[in-house]
Each structure stands twice: as C-alpha cells, then as structure tokens.
Protein backbone atom coordinates (compact mmCIF):
# COMPACT_ATOMS: atom_id res chain seq x y z
CA MET A 1 13.93 -3.95 -13.32
CA ASN A 2 15.42 -3.04 -16.65
CA MET A 3 16.74 0.49 -16.11
CA GLN A 4 16.89 1.17 -19.85
CA ASP A 5 13.17 0.51 -20.19
CA ALA A 6 12.16 2.44 -17.07
CA SER A 7 10.62 5.87 -17.00
CA ARG A 8 12.30 8.40 -14.71
CA GLN A 9 10.52 10.46 -12.08
CA SER A 10 12.45 12.78 -9.78
CA CYS A 11 11.62 13.34 -6.13
CA SER A 12 13.87 14.97 -3.56
CA ASP A 13 17.50 14.14 -4.26
CA LEU A 14 16.78 10.68 -5.68
CA CYS A 15 16.05 9.65 -9.24
CA TRP A 16 13.05 7.31 -9.16
CA PHE A 17 12.39 4.59 -11.74
CA THR A 18 9.07 3.00 -12.62
CA SER A 19 9.03 -0.28 -14.50
CA SER A 20 8.04 -0.20 -18.16
CA TYR A 21 5.62 -3.01 -17.25
CA SER A 22 3.53 -0.58 -15.17
CA SER A 23 0.35 0.75 -16.70
CA GLY A 24 0.56 4.04 -18.56
CA ALA A 25 -2.09 5.50 -16.26
CA GLY A 26 0.26 5.30 -13.28
CA GLY A 27 -0.82 5.22 -9.68
CA GLU A 28 -0.38 1.49 -9.16
CA CYS A 29 3.36 1.05 -9.29
CA VAL A 30 6.33 0.37 -7.13
CA GLU A 31 9.08 2.89 -7.75
CA VAL A 32 12.76 2.34 -7.04
CA ALA A 33 15.67 4.76 -6.56
CA LEU A 34 19.30 3.72 -6.28
CA ASP A 35 22.23 5.25 -4.44
CA ALA A 36 24.34 3.48 -1.79
CA ALA A 37 21.09 1.70 -0.88
CA VAL A 38 17.86 0.79 -2.68
CA HIS A 39 14.81 2.95 -1.92
CA VAL A 40 11.32 1.57 -2.67
CA ARG A 41 8.02 3.43 -2.53
CA ASP A 42 4.38 3.05 -3.56
CA SER A 43 3.57 5.52 -6.33
CA LYS A 44 0.05 6.02 -4.93
CA CYS A 45 1.50 7.61 -1.78
CA VAL A 46 4.09 10.00 -3.24
CA ALA A 47 1.93 13.14 -3.06
CA GLN A 48 1.08 12.43 0.58
CA GLY A 49 4.74 12.00 1.51
CA GLY A 50 4.32 8.26 1.90
CA ALA A 51 6.86 5.94 3.44
CA VAL A 52 10.01 4.86 1.65
CA LEU A 53 11.55 1.47 2.35
CA LYS A 54 15.37 1.60 2.33
CA VAL A 55 17.30 -1.68 1.98
CA GLY A 56 20.90 -2.58 1.29
CA SER A 57 21.94 -3.73 -2.15
CA ALA A 58 22.67 -7.29 -0.93
CA ALA A 59 19.16 -7.62 0.52
CA TRP A 60 17.64 -6.21 -2.70
CA THR A 61 19.62 -8.67 -4.81
CA ALA A 62 18.49 -11.55 -2.60
CA LEU A 63 14.85 -10.46 -2.95
CA LEU A 64 15.08 -10.25 -6.73
CA LYS A 65 16.64 -13.71 -6.92
CA THR A 66 13.74 -15.22 -4.99
CA ILE A 67 10.90 -13.70 -7.00
C-alpha cells in the first residue's frame, strides 16, 4: 500500500490506512495499521468491533511479495 496515497482513519490507539484504490463509498476495504506489528481489519466490521488480524512485519512483507 502506498502510505502517501492512503486515507487515514483513526480507531483506538492505532492509525488506520485505507488504500486509495478502495471505492470512495467505503465499506468494502481492508484497512491496515502499523506499529511494532501490522494490524489488518475489514472495514465493514469496524462498527461492530470486528476482529483484527495482527501479524509480524516479516510475515506481512512475505505476503506482499507473493501477491
């Protein structure tokens, strides 16, 4: 994800990023927040307190290299 082109959304203590390739209507996006780990969530489930997947930076980098 290009962080410069992402739109920011805050939730809890993390700063969430949504790709600029997501539709302007929202609701169908994967959001990512970075700290010591990478946190991934489905934007459709934020209001319901949906699950957040937390992965290490090495695993995230490996995933991005394969897709």
